[in-house]
Amino acid sequence: MVQTVIEPTSAGDVSATRDLYIKAYRFMLLARVLDDKLASLYRAGKILGGVFLGRGQEALSVSIGVGLRERDIFAPLIRDMAGRLAFNESVLDAARTFLGSSLGPMRGRDGNIHRGRPKEGQLAMISHLGAMISVVNGGLFARRMRGIKGTVGVACCGDGSTSTGSFHEAMNQAAIEKLPLVMVVADNQYAYSTPTERQFACRSLVDRAVGYGIPGYEVDGTNLTACLNVVGEAIARARAGEGPQLVVANLLRLCGHGEHDDAQYIEPKLKASDLGRDCMKLAEAYLTQQSWADAATLSKWRAEAVQKVEEATAAAQREPGPDPFAENYWAALSTENLLEGNE
């Protein structure tokens, strides 16, 4: 029988160390500052396409990034800026992609959220809901066939994605093959504007773990300590060969689906509930409570984050966009490797 582990919402039992907590918080802060800057540039007409913020989901996202290692695989989604940065994406890479710089990882030729560096384990997102899980599975299969051990793949999705065939098929495959997949579901109460009661009838999405024969964990997504503990444990178990792990975090996105959405459909009672708490404010309160940081230190960290973001966005805005008439070599990574004589 599969046991469902439910993490308490309090931050009482702290196994996350001081250094890890501070590291995670600073990536959360950097992600929040960068998101706010991108939203401002979007409203100013400087960014084409959509801008989707991770406001309210930073604690969950960063817990993934800080738990991963070199050669792991990460398939983030539109609200995973904190996890991306913690998994070694640079602020400049993000800024270049949103602002269409030809020097960015996608060379200014793809949507601003479809960025990544696959050779470094940072997968570029496919928009279709649930589609990235099977991509991670493929990467993990490739590692298995090449005899690479000790790596983990993390795929992220929202509650709406769990209603798709892509989600079920990929989860079933991972469970049968016992792949080291960690599936992190951000249950932010809405699939765009569709509330969860119109999506699934089970008490919680974590109950679906039993159907796949894998462990499931439910966590308070507003609580950084709880997220670090639960996501960290799931990653450790997958890395140790215990097969797929499902993590479901309960939270509320503190913004619209994108900057084009005013989110008037979100129930006021949800905003006023524990789900509507801001993980950033909770983390800051905990830092001061533990005497790990004071107001001056928090202010200093924010100023450093702002400077880093301003420098990156200013640099990206000075860089050229893609030249539609230039001759560029475009090929799948495998083809490129063959042409270069690599394995």
Protein backbone atom coordinates (compact mmCIF):
# COMPACT_ATOMS: atom_id res chain seq x y z
CA MET A 1 0.00 0.00 0.00
CA VAL A 2 1.22 3.48 -0.82
CA GLN A 3 1.37 5.88 2.08
CA THR A 4 0.37 9.48 1.52
CA VAL A 5 2.57 11.79 3.56
CA ILE A 6 0.89 15.05 4.56
CA GLU A 7 3.24 17.76 5.76
CA PRO A 8 1.95 20.04 8.56
CA THR A 9 1.42 23.64 7.53
CA SER A 10 3.33 25.04 10.52
CA ALA A 11 7.04 25.75 10.34
CA GLY A 12 7.69 24.12 13.69
CA ASP A 13 9.94 21.19 12.73
CA VAL A 14 12.78 22.83 10.89
CA SER A 15 15.15 20.49 9.10
CA ALA A 16 15.99 23.08 6.49
CA THR A 17 19.29 24.59 7.58
CA ARG A 18 19.87 28.28 8.03
CA ASP A 19 22.15 28.51 4.99
CA LEU A 20 19.73 26.59 2.77
CA TYR A 21 16.79 28.70 3.90
CA ILE A 22 18.63 31.96 3.22
CA LYS A 23 19.84 30.70 -0.16
CA ALA A 24 16.29 29.74 -1.11
CA TYR A 25 14.83 33.01 0.11
CA ARG A 26 17.31 35.08 -1.88
CA PHE A 27 16.41 33.23 -5.08
CA MET A 28 12.74 33.80 -4.26
CA LEU A 29 13.45 37.49 -3.82
CA LEU A 30 15.41 37.69 -7.06
CA ALA A 31 12.57 35.95 -8.91
CA ARG A 32 9.96 38.30 -7.44
CA VAL A 33 11.99 41.40 -8.36
CA LEU A 34 12.61 40.07 -11.88
CA ASP A 35 8.93 39.19 -12.35
CA ASP A 36 7.90 42.67 -11.23
CA LYS A 37 10.39 44.23 -13.65
CA LEU A 38 9.14 42.09 -16.54
CA ALA A 39 5.54 43.04 -15.74
CA SER A 40 6.54 46.71 -15.82
CA LEU A 41 8.30 46.29 -19.17
CA TYR A 42 5.27 44.45 -20.56
CA ARG A 43 2.94 47.27 -19.54
CA ALA A 44 5.35 49.72 -21.16
CA GLY A 45 5.12 47.85 -24.46
CA LYS A 46 8.72 46.62 -24.31
CA ILE A 47 7.82 42.90 -24.25
CA LEU A 48 5.85 41.11 -26.94
CA GLY A 49 3.89 37.98 -26.13
CA GLY A 50 2.71 37.01 -22.68
CA VAL A 51 4.14 37.62 -19.23
CA PHE A 52 3.18 35.09 -16.57
CA LEU A 53 4.22 35.75 -12.99
CA GLY A 54 5.10 33.27 -10.27
CA ARG A 55 3.84 35.52 -7.48
CA GLY A 56 2.73 33.27 -4.62
CA GLN A 57 4.46 30.15 -5.95
CA GLU A 58 8.10 31.09 -5.32
CA ALA A 59 8.52 28.93 -2.20
CA LEU A 60 7.46 25.78 -4.03
CA SER A 61 9.45 26.58 -7.15
CA VAL A 62 12.69 27.48 -5.41
CA SER A 63 12.54 24.26 -3.37
CA ILE A 64 12.96 22.37 -6.62
CA GLY A 65 15.88 24.41 -7.91
CA VAL A 66 17.92 24.24 -4.72
CA GLY A 67 17.33 20.48 -4.46
CA LEU A 68 18.67 19.65 -7.91
CA ARG A 69 22.26 18.94 -8.90
CA GLU A 70 24.36 19.19 -12.02
CA ARG A 71 23.21 16.65 -14.65
CA ASP A 72 19.68 16.54 -13.23
CA ILE A 73 16.74 17.46 -15.47
CA PHE A 74 14.29 20.26 -14.77
CA ALA A 75 11.14 20.99 -16.77
CA PRO A 76 9.78 24.24 -15.33
CA LEU A 77 6.56 25.98 -16.27
CA ILE A 78 5.48 29.58 -16.64
CA ARG A 79 5.52 30.37 -12.90
CA ASP A 80 8.86 28.76 -12.09
CA MET A 81 11.20 31.73 -12.27
CA ALA A 82 12.50 31.03 -8.76
CA GLY A 83 13.26 27.40 -9.55
CA ARG A 84 14.92 28.32 -12.84
CA LEU A 85 17.23 30.82 -11.16
CA ALA A 86 18.08 28.38 -8.37
CA PHE A 87 18.94 25.76 -11.02
CA ASN A 88 21.53 28.07 -12.54
CA GLU A 89 19.55 30.01 -15.12
CA SER A 90 21.04 33.48 -15.28
CA VAL A 91 18.98 36.65 -14.92
CA LEU A 92 20.53 37.76 -18.21
CA ASP A 93 19.25 34.63 -20.02
CA ALA A 94 15.74 35.36 -18.78
CA ALA A 95 15.92 39.05 -19.64
CA ARG A 96 17.33 38.37 -23.10
CA THR A 97 14.53 35.93 -23.91
CA PHE A 98 11.71 38.19 -22.76
CA LEU A 99 13.20 41.17 -24.59
CA GLY A 100 13.94 39.31 -27.82
CA SER A 101 17.73 39.56 -27.80
CA SER A 102 19.50 37.47 -30.43
CA LEU A 103 22.16 36.70 -27.81
CA GLY A 104 19.73 34.80 -25.58
CA PRO A 105 19.50 31.00 -25.33
CA MET A 106 16.70 30.90 -27.96
CA ARG A 107 18.38 33.61 -30.08
CA GLY A 108 15.25 35.75 -30.00
CA ARG A 109 13.33 33.30 -32.18
CA ASP A 110 10.88 31.71 -29.78
CA GLY A 111 8.23 32.80 -27.33
CA ASN A 112 9.64 34.39 -24.20
CA ILE A 113 8.64 31.52 -21.91
CA HIS A 114 10.00 28.72 -24.13
CA ARG A 115 13.58 29.13 -23.06
CA GLY A 116 16.13 26.65 -21.80
CA ARG A 117 19.51 25.03 -22.20
CA PRO A 118 18.76 21.31 -22.71
CA LYS A 119 22.39 20.22 -22.61
CA GLU A 120 22.54 21.62 -19.08
CA GLY A 121 19.31 19.93 -18.01
CA GLN A 122 17.16 23.05 -18.36
CA LEU A 123 14.38 21.98 -20.69
CA ALA A 124 12.57 24.53 -22.83
CA MET A 125 8.88 24.45 -22.02
CA ILE A 126 6.20 23.01 -24.29
CA SER A 127 2.96 24.91 -23.74
CA HIS A 128 0.63 21.92 -24.08
CA LEU A 129 -0.52 20.95 -20.61
CA GLY A 130 1.26 17.91 -19.19
CA ALA A 131 3.48 17.52 -22.26
CA MET A 132 6.77 18.09 -20.41
CA ILE A 133 6.40 15.03 -18.19
CA SER A 134 7.01 12.60 -21.03
CA VAL A 135 9.97 14.72 -22.18
CA VAL A 136 11.53 14.33 -18.73
CA ASN A 137 10.79 10.61 -18.85
CA GLY A 138 12.64 10.42 -22.16
CA GLY A 139 15.65 12.18 -20.68
CA LEU A 140 15.68 9.80 -17.73
CA PHE A 141 15.43 6.80 -20.06
CA ALA A 142 18.38 8.15 -22.04
CA ARG A 143 20.46 8.42 -18.88
CA ARG A 144 19.51 4.88 -17.88
CA MET A 145 20.55 3.52 -21.28
CA ARG A 146 23.89 5.34 -21.04
CA GLY A 147 24.52 3.97 -17.56
CA ILE A 148 24.28 7.34 -15.84
CA LYS A 149 23.11 6.90 -12.25
CA GLY A 150 22.11 9.18 -9.40
CA THR A 151 20.24 11.75 -11.46
CA VAL A 152 16.69 12.99 -11.01
CA GLY A 153 14.16 14.62 -13.28
CA VAL A 154 11.57 17.09 -12.03
CA ALA A 155 8.51 18.06 -14.04
CA CYS A 156 6.10 20.78 -12.95
CA CYS A 157 2.47 21.36 -13.75
CA GLY A 158 -0.64 23.03 -12.40
CA ASP A 159 -3.82 21.42 -11.16
CA GLY A 160 -5.46 21.79 -14.58
CA SER A 161 -2.76 19.70 -16.26
CA THR A 162 -3.64 16.69 -14.11
CA SER A 163 -6.92 16.40 -16.04
CA THR A 164 -5.14 15.70 -19.33
CA GLY A 165 -4.24 12.44 -21.02
CA SER A 166 -0.63 13.56 -21.29
CA PHE A 167 -0.36 13.69 -17.50
CA HIS A 168 -1.87 10.24 -16.97
CA GLU A 169 0.09 8.50 -19.70
CA ALA A 170 3.42 9.94 -18.59
CA MET A 171 2.80 9.25 -14.90
CA ASN A 172 1.76 5.68 -15.69
CA GLN A 173 4.88 5.19 -17.79
CA ALA A 174 7.17 6.60 -15.09
CA ALA A 175 5.57 4.38 -12.43
CA ILE A 176 5.87 1.19 -14.50
CA GLU A 177 9.49 1.91 -15.40
CA LYS A 178 10.33 3.17 -11.90
CA LEU A 179 11.94 6.29 -13.29
CA PRO A 180 13.50 8.82 -10.87
CA LEU A 181 10.80 11.37 -11.69
CA VAL A 182 9.52 13.92 -9.18
CA MET A 183 6.18 15.30 -10.32
CA VAL A 184 5.42 18.63 -8.64
CA VAL A 185 1.84 19.86 -8.94
CA ALA A 186 1.04 23.43 -7.95
CA ASP A 187 -2.63 23.28 -6.98
CA ASN A 188 -3.33 27.01 -7.14
CA GLN A 189 -7.10 26.43 -7.04
CA TYR A 190 -7.78 27.47 -10.63
CA ALA A 191 -6.99 26.10 -14.09
CA TYR A 192 -6.88 29.58 -15.58
CA SER A 193 -10.37 30.57 -14.38
CA THR A 194 -11.86 27.10 -13.78
CA PRO A 195 -12.08 26.30 -10.02
CA THR A 196 -10.83 22.96 -8.75
CA GLU A 197 -14.31 21.68 -7.88
CA ARG A 198 -15.03 21.68 -11.62
CA GLN A 199 -11.82 19.77 -12.36
CA PHE A 200 -11.62 16.78 -10.03
CA ALA A 201 -13.80 14.99 -7.48
CA CYS A 202 -11.15 13.51 -5.19
CA ARG A 203 -10.37 15.17 -1.86
CA SER A 204 -6.91 16.14 -3.05
CA LEU A 205 -4.82 15.51 -6.13
CA VAL A 206 -2.34 13.68 -3.93
CA ASP A 207 -4.89 10.86 -3.73
CA ARG A 208 -4.02 10.02 -7.32
CA ALA A 209 -0.62 8.73 -6.24
CA VAL A 210 -2.28 5.54 -5.00
CA GLY A 211 -3.62 4.85 -8.48
CA TYR A 212 -0.12 4.97 -9.93
CA GLY A 213 1.37 2.96 -7.07
CA ILE A 214 3.77 5.70 -6.06
CA PRO A 215 4.33 7.81 -2.90
CA GLY A 216 2.45 11.09 -2.62
CA TYR A 217 3.14 14.16 -0.51
CA GLU A 218 0.86 17.10 0.22
CA VAL A 219 2.45 20.35 1.33
CA ASP A 220 1.53 23.90 2.24
CA GLY A 221 2.91 25.76 -0.76
CA THR A 222 3.05 29.08 1.11
CA ASN A 223 5.52 27.72 3.67
CA LEU A 224 9.15 27.73 2.55
CA THR A 225 10.32 25.39 5.31
CA ALA A 226 7.64 22.83 4.49
CA CYS A 227 8.40 23.05 0.77
CA LEU A 228 12.14 22.62 1.29
CA ASN A 229 11.53 19.58 3.51
CA VAL A 230 8.92 17.83 1.38
CA VAL A 231 10.34 18.54 -2.08
CA GLY A 232 13.83 17.78 -0.76
CA GLU A 233 12.67 14.42 0.60
CA ALA A 234 10.90 13.52 -2.66
CA ILE A 235 14.01 14.34 -4.69
CA ALA A 236 16.22 12.35 -2.31
CA ARG A 237 13.97 9.30 -2.54
CA ALA A 238 13.84 9.42 -6.32
CA ARG A 239 17.62 9.80 -6.44
CA ALA A 240 17.99 6.78 -4.17
CA GLY A 241 16.15 4.58 -6.64
CA GLU A 242 12.69 4.58 -5.05
CA GLY A 243 10.93 5.49 -8.28
CA PRO A 244 8.54 8.34 -9.08
CA GLN A 245 7.30 10.71 -6.38
CA LEU A 246 4.24 12.98 -6.52
CA VAL A 247 4.22 16.28 -4.64
CA VAL A 248 1.05 18.37 -4.49
CA ALA A 249 1.35 21.88 -3.07
CA ASN A 250 -1.69 23.85 -1.99
CA LEU A 251 -1.50 27.59 -2.60
CA LEU A 252 -3.06 30.46 -4.53
CA ARG A 253 -1.46 32.46 -7.32
CA LEU A 254 -1.46 36.06 -6.19
CA CYS A 255 -2.03 37.47 -9.67
CA GLY A 256 -3.92 36.73 -12.85
CA HIS A 257 -3.14 33.85 -15.15
CA GLY A 258 -1.00 36.35 -17.06
CA GLU A 259 -0.55 40.09 -17.05
CA HIS A 260 -3.47 40.28 -19.48
CA ASP A 261 -5.82 38.77 -16.85
CA ASP A 262 -7.30 40.73 -13.92
CA ALA A 263 -8.31 37.52 -12.07
CA GLN A 264 -11.67 38.87 -10.93
CA TYR A 265 -12.93 35.28 -10.84
CA ILE A 266 -10.82 34.42 -7.77
CA GLU A 267 -13.06 34.14 -4.72
CA PRO A 268 -12.38 36.78 -2.03
CA LYS A 269 -12.64 34.10 0.67
CA LEU A 270 -9.72 32.27 -0.93
CA LYS A 271 -7.62 35.41 -0.95
CA ALA A 272 -8.37 35.86 2.75
CA SER A 273 -7.60 32.23 3.61
CA ASP A 274 -4.26 30.62 4.46
CA LEU A 275 -3.96 29.66 0.79
CA GLY A 276 -3.79 33.36 -0.08
CA ARG A 277 -0.82 34.11 2.14
CA ASP A 278 2.26 35.55 0.44
CA CYS A 279 5.13 33.09 0.75
CA MET A 280 7.62 35.95 0.50
CA LYS A 281 6.20 37.76 3.52
CA LEU A 282 6.01 34.53 5.50
CA ALA A 283 9.64 33.74 4.69
CA GLU A 284 10.77 37.22 5.69
CA ALA A 285 8.87 36.97 8.97
CA TYR A 286 10.49 33.62 9.67
CA LEU A 287 13.97 34.96 8.92
CA THR A 288 13.54 37.74 11.44
CA GLN A 289 11.89 35.44 13.97
CA GLN A 290 14.87 33.08 13.82
CA SER A 291 17.29 36.06 13.98
CA TRP A 292 18.73 34.95 10.65
CA ALA A 293 18.20 38.40 9.13
CA ASP A 294 17.09 41.83 10.31
CA ALA A 295 15.34 44.64 8.45
CA ALA A 296 18.63 46.14 7.29
CA THR A 297 19.82 42.81 5.90
CA LEU A 298 16.52 42.20 4.09
CA SER A 299 16.73 45.68 2.59
CA LYS A 300 20.32 45.06 1.47
CA TRP A 301 19.37 41.77 -0.20
CA ARG A 302 16.51 43.46 -2.04
CA ALA A 303 18.76 46.28 -3.24
CA GLU A 304 21.25 43.72 -4.58
CA ALA A 305 18.46 41.86 -6.39
CA VAL A 306 17.14 45.09 -7.90
CA GLN A 307 20.62 46.05 -9.12
CA LYS A 308 21.15 42.65 -10.71
CA VAL A 309 17.79 42.78 -12.49
CA GLU A 310 18.24 46.37 -13.67
CA GLU A 311 21.68 45.63 -15.07
CA ALA A 312 20.46 42.53 -16.91
CA THR A 313 17.36 44.14 -18.42
CA ALA A 314 19.29 47.24 -19.45
CA ALA A 315 21.92 45.09 -21.16
CA ALA A 316 19.29 42.99 -22.96
CA GLN A 317 17.52 46.10 -24.26
CA ARG A 318 20.76 47.33 -25.83
CA GLU A 319 21.35 44.08 -27.69
CA PRO A 320 20.17 43.43 -31.27
CA GLY A 321 17.12 41.37 -32.10
CA PRO A 322 17.23 38.45 -34.55
CA ASP A 323 18.04 39.22 -38.17
CA PRO A 324 15.41 37.54 -40.40
CA PHE A 325 17.80 37.59 -43.34
CA ALA A 326 20.82 36.12 -41.58
CA GLU A 327 21.92 32.56 -42.31
CA ASN A 328 21.75 30.53 -39.14
CA TYR A 329 22.29 26.86 -38.49
CA TRP A 330 19.25 25.27 -36.86
CA ALA A 331 19.22 21.61 -35.99
CA ALA A 332 18.11 19.18 -33.31
CA LEU A 333 20.68 18.70 -30.57
CA SER A 334 21.35 15.11 -31.66
CA THR A 335 22.01 16.20 -35.25
CA GLU A 336 24.24 19.01 -34.06
CA ASN A 337 26.22 16.60 -31.89
CA LEU A 338 26.75 14.24 -34.86
CA LEU A 339 27.91 17.08 -37.07
CA GLU A 340 30.35 18.20 -34.42
CA GLY A 341 31.68 14.65 -34.03
CA ASN A 342 30.48 14.34 -30.45
CA GLU A 343 28.81 11.33 -28.89
